[in-house]
Amino acid sequence: MAAPSTAPATARLDAIEPRACSCGQTRRAFVDVEPGTASVHLLDVDAATSHYHRKATEIYVVLEGEVQVELDGVAHPAGPLSAFLIPPGTRHRAIGELRALVVAIPAADDEDEYFDA
């Protein structure tokens, strides 16, 4: 059996300093863990801007809020424990206020966030 390529890591998302993002505020864990396999975010959405990623697949799991998640222009109802698989190239945003757990594969990279003109 091959040895893991990185050591295990832990995080307390509520202890990570929030930072602004295109959706509102995010607390990102594991973005600096090599080899950049994945990251997890606690995302608080208040005014999301539609965007997409060329490399990352994201999985959103809604924790709080009854809103809509827009995927390529189609609005989908979202509430606690709704989950969304968002492949690269999919324009996406939340409409309304929500809290979600987001897994990014590979790890989130600000250079991989794009907006239509």
C-alpha atoms as a PDB file:
ATOM      1  CA  MET A   1       0.000   0.000   0.000  1.00  0.00           C
ATOM      2  CA  ALA A   2       1.380   3.420  -0.979  1.00  0.00           C
ATOM      3  CA  ALA A   3       2.063   5.979   1.737  1.00  0.00           C
ATOM      4  CA  PRO A   4      -0.198   9.050   1.766  1.00  0.00           C
ATOM      5  CA  SER A   5       1.215  11.987  -0.189  1.00  0.00           C
ATOM      6  CA  THR A   6       0.484  14.356   2.686  1.00  0.00           C
ATOM      7  CA  ALA A   7      -0.003  14.146   6.419  1.00  0.00           C
ATOM      8  CA  PRO A   8      -3.515  14.276   7.848  1.00  0.00           C
ATOM      9  CA  ALA A   9      -4.741  17.754   8.736  1.00  0.00           C
ATOM     10  CA  THR A  10      -7.473  19.177  10.946  1.00  0.00           C
ATOM     11  CA  ALA A  11      -9.256  22.517  11.091  1.00  0.00           C
ATOM     12  CA  ARG A  12     -11.854  24.384  13.132  1.00  0.00           C
ATOM     13  CA  LEU A  13     -13.659  26.381  10.466  1.00  0.00           C
ATOM     14  CA  ASP A  14     -15.205  28.707  13.037  1.00  0.00           C
ATOM     15  CA  ALA A  15     -11.690  29.610  14.260  1.00  0.00           C
ATOM     16  CA  ILE A  16     -10.454  30.670  10.802  1.00  0.00           C
ATOM     17  CA  GLU A  17     -10.564  34.397  10.091  1.00  0.00           C
ATOM     18  CA  PRO A  18     -13.268  35.120   7.471  1.00  0.00           C
ATOM     19  CA  ARG A  19     -12.259  36.802   4.233  1.00  0.00           C
ATOM     20  CA  ALA A  20     -14.265  38.451   1.495  1.00  0.00           C
ATOM     21  CA  CYS A  21     -15.069  36.455  -1.628  1.00  0.00           C
ATOM     22  CA  SER A  22     -17.383  36.791  -4.653  1.00  0.00           C
ATOM     23  CA  CYS A  23     -20.210  35.244  -2.612  1.00  0.00           C
ATOM     24  CA  GLY A  24     -19.809  37.059   0.701  1.00  0.00           C
ATOM     25  CA  GLN A  25     -17.478  35.722   3.427  1.00  0.00           C
ATOM     26  CA  THR A  26     -15.510  32.469   3.485  1.00  0.00           C
ATOM     27  CA  ARG A  27     -13.368  30.593   5.970  1.00  0.00           C
ATOM     28  CA  ARG A  28     -11.084  28.296   3.977  1.00  0.00           C
ATOM     29  CA  ALA A  29      -9.192  25.313   5.357  1.00  0.00           C
ATOM     30  CA  PHE A  30      -6.475  23.213   3.719  1.00  0.00           C
ATOM     31  CA  VAL A  31      -5.783  25.593   0.807  1.00  0.00           C
ATOM     32  CA  ASP A  32      -2.077  25.543   1.679  1.00  0.00           C
ATOM     33  CA  VAL A  33      -1.778  21.805   2.359  1.00  0.00           C
ATOM     34  CA  GLU A  34       0.375  20.184  -0.317  1.00  0.00           C
ATOM     35  CA  PRO A  35      -0.309  18.776  -2.857  1.00  0.00           C
ATOM     36  CA  GLY A  36      -3.454  20.934  -3.082  1.00  0.00           C
ATOM     37  CA  THR A  37      -5.828  18.010  -3.418  1.00  0.00           C
ATOM     38  CA  ALA A  38      -8.879  19.668  -1.852  1.00  0.00           C
ATOM     39  CA  SER A  39     -10.064  22.406   0.475  1.00  0.00           C
ATOM     40  CA  VAL A  40     -13.156  22.938   2.597  1.00  0.00           C
ATOM     41  CA  HIS A  41     -14.866  26.274   3.232  1.00  0.00           C
ATOM     42  CA  LEU A  42     -17.504  27.609   5.558  1.00  0.00           C
ATOM     43  CA  LEU A  43     -19.283  30.040   3.248  1.00  0.00           C
ATOM     44  CA  ASP A  44     -21.662  32.789   4.335  1.00  0.00           C
ATOM     45  CA  VAL A  45     -23.445  34.145   1.269  1.00  0.00           C
ATOM     46  CA  ASP A  46     -25.067  37.564   1.295  1.00  0.00           C
ATOM     47  CA  ALA A  47     -24.700  38.978  -2.236  1.00  0.00           C
ATOM     48  CA  ALA A  48     -23.169  36.415  -4.577  1.00  0.00           C
ATOM     49  CA  THR A  49     -21.812  37.253  -8.016  1.00  0.00           C
ATOM     50  CA  SER A  50     -22.142  34.618 -10.737  1.00  0.00           C
ATOM     51  CA  HIS A  51     -18.748  33.086 -11.483  1.00  0.00           C
ATOM     52  CA  TYR A  52     -17.108  29.869 -12.632  1.00  0.00           C
ATOM     53  CA  HIS A  53     -13.905  27.875 -12.257  1.00  0.00           C
ATOM     54  CA  ARG A  54     -11.883  26.341 -15.068  1.00  0.00           C
ATOM     55  CA  LYS A  55     -10.159  23.725 -12.887  1.00  0.00           C
ATOM     56  CA  ALA A  56     -12.121  23.218  -9.671  1.00  0.00           C
ATOM     57  CA  THR A  57     -15.147  21.074  -9.044  1.00  0.00           C
ATOM     58  CA  GLU A  58     -17.115  22.345  -6.052  1.00  0.00           C
ATOM     59  CA  ILE A  59     -19.605  20.575  -3.836  1.00  0.00           C
ATOM     60  CA  TYR A  60     -21.972  22.840  -1.896  1.00  0.00           C
ATOM     61  CA  VAL A  61     -23.897  21.513   1.097  1.00  0.00           C
ATOM     62  CA  VAL A  62     -26.377  24.069   2.423  1.00  0.00           C
ATOM     63  CA  LEU A  63     -26.342  24.281   6.216  1.00  0.00           C
ATOM     64  CA  GLU A  64     -28.709  27.228   6.794  1.00  0.00           C
ATOM     65  CA  GLY A  65     -31.091  29.246   4.653  1.00  0.00           C
ATOM     66  CA  GLU A  66     -33.974  28.675   2.245  1.00  0.00           C
ATOM     67  CA  VAL A  67     -32.752  30.150  -1.041  1.00  0.00           C
ATOM     68  CA  GLN A  68     -32.006  29.271  -4.637  1.00  0.00           C
ATOM     69  CA  VAL A  69     -28.737  28.158  -6.166  1.00  0.00           C
ATOM     70  CA  GLU A  70     -28.317  29.211  -9.790  1.00  0.00           C
ATOM     71  CA  LEU A  71     -26.394  26.812 -12.043  1.00  0.00           C
ATOM     72  CA  ASP A  72     -25.831  27.966 -15.633  1.00  0.00           C
ATOM     73  CA  GLY A  73     -28.796  30.327 -15.352  1.00  0.00           C
ATOM     74  CA  VAL A  74     -31.245  27.785 -13.902  1.00  0.00           C
ATOM     75  CA  ALA A  75     -32.430  28.441 -10.321  1.00  0.00           C
ATOM     76  CA  HIS A  76     -32.749  25.400  -8.051  1.00  0.00           C
ATOM     77  CA  PRO A  77     -34.437  25.465  -4.629  1.00  0.00           C
ATOM     78  CA  ALA A  78     -31.988  25.033  -1.762  1.00  0.00           C
ATOM     79  CA  GLY A  79     -32.461  24.474   1.946  1.00  0.00           C
ATOM     80  CA  PRO A  80     -30.617  22.774   4.780  1.00  0.00           C
ATOM     81  CA  LEU A  81     -28.827  19.617   3.611  1.00  0.00           C
ATOM     82  CA  SER A  82     -29.393  20.336  -0.092  1.00  0.00           C
ATOM     83  CA  ALA A  83     -26.255  19.422  -2.028  1.00  0.00           C
ATOM     84  CA  PHE A  84     -24.952  20.631  -5.388  1.00  0.00           C
ATOM     85  CA  LEU A  85     -22.146  19.214  -7.538  1.00  0.00           C
ATOM     86  CA  ILE A  86     -20.683  22.071  -9.589  1.00  0.00           C
ATOM     87  CA  PRO A  87     -18.242  20.924 -12.301  1.00  0.00           C
ATOM     88  CA  PRO A  88     -15.655  23.209 -13.924  1.00  0.00           C
ATOM     89  CA  GLY A  89     -17.170  25.743 -16.321  1.00  0.00           C
ATOM     90  CA  THR A  90     -20.543  25.912 -14.548  1.00  0.00           C
ATOM     91  CA  ARG A  91     -21.637  29.483 -13.832  1.00  0.00           C
ATOM     92  CA  HIS A  92     -22.997  29.519 -10.303  1.00  0.00           C
ATOM     93  CA  ARG A  93     -24.189  31.665  -7.425  1.00  0.00           C
ATOM     94  CA  ALA A  94     -26.604  31.560  -4.519  1.00  0.00           C
ATOM     95  CA  ILE A  95     -29.609  33.868  -4.593  1.00  0.00           C
ATOM     96  CA  GLY A  96     -30.342  34.980  -1.044  1.00  0.00           C
ATOM     97  CA  GLU A  97     -28.550  34.495   2.247  1.00  0.00           C
ATOM     98  CA  LEU A  98     -27.238  31.073   3.188  1.00  0.00           C
ATOM     99  CA  ARG A  99     -24.486  29.253   5.030  1.00  0.00           C
ATOM    100  CA  ALA A 100     -22.888  26.333   3.218  1.00  0.00           C
ATOM    101  CA  LEU A 101     -20.044  23.896   3.526  1.00  0.00           C
ATOM    102  CA  VAL A 102     -18.088  23.916   0.258  1.00  0.00           C
ATOM    103  CA  VAL A 103     -15.533  21.323  -0.834  1.00  0.00           C
ATOM    104  CA  ALA A 104     -13.253  22.381  -3.694  1.00  0.00           C
ATOM    105  CA  ILE A 105     -11.307  19.784  -5.712  1.00  0.00           C
ATOM    106  CA  PRO A 106      -8.510  20.677  -6.299  1.00  0.00           C
ATOM    107  CA  ALA A 107      -8.039  23.142  -3.441  1.00  0.00           C
ATOM    108  CA  ALA A 108      -9.466  26.640  -3.910  1.00  0.00           C
ATOM    109  CA  ASP A 109      -7.261  29.009  -5.851  1.00  0.00           C
ATOM    110  CA  ASP A 110      -8.205  32.662  -6.336  1.00  0.00           C
ATOM    111  CA  GLU A 111      -6.561  32.486  -9.779  1.00  0.00           C
ATOM    112  CA  ASP A 112      -9.263  29.958 -10.800  1.00  0.00           C
ATOM    113  CA  GLU A 113     -12.242  32.288 -10.391  1.00  0.00           C
ATOM    114  CA  TYR A 114     -13.688  33.854 -13.547  1.00  0.00           C
ATOM    115  CA  PHE A 115     -16.509  36.269 -14.280  1.00  0.00           C
ATOM    116  CA  ASP A 116     -18.362  36.930 -17.528  1.00  0.00           C
ATOM    117  CA  ALA A 117     -17.932  40.468 -18.868  1.00  0.00           C
END
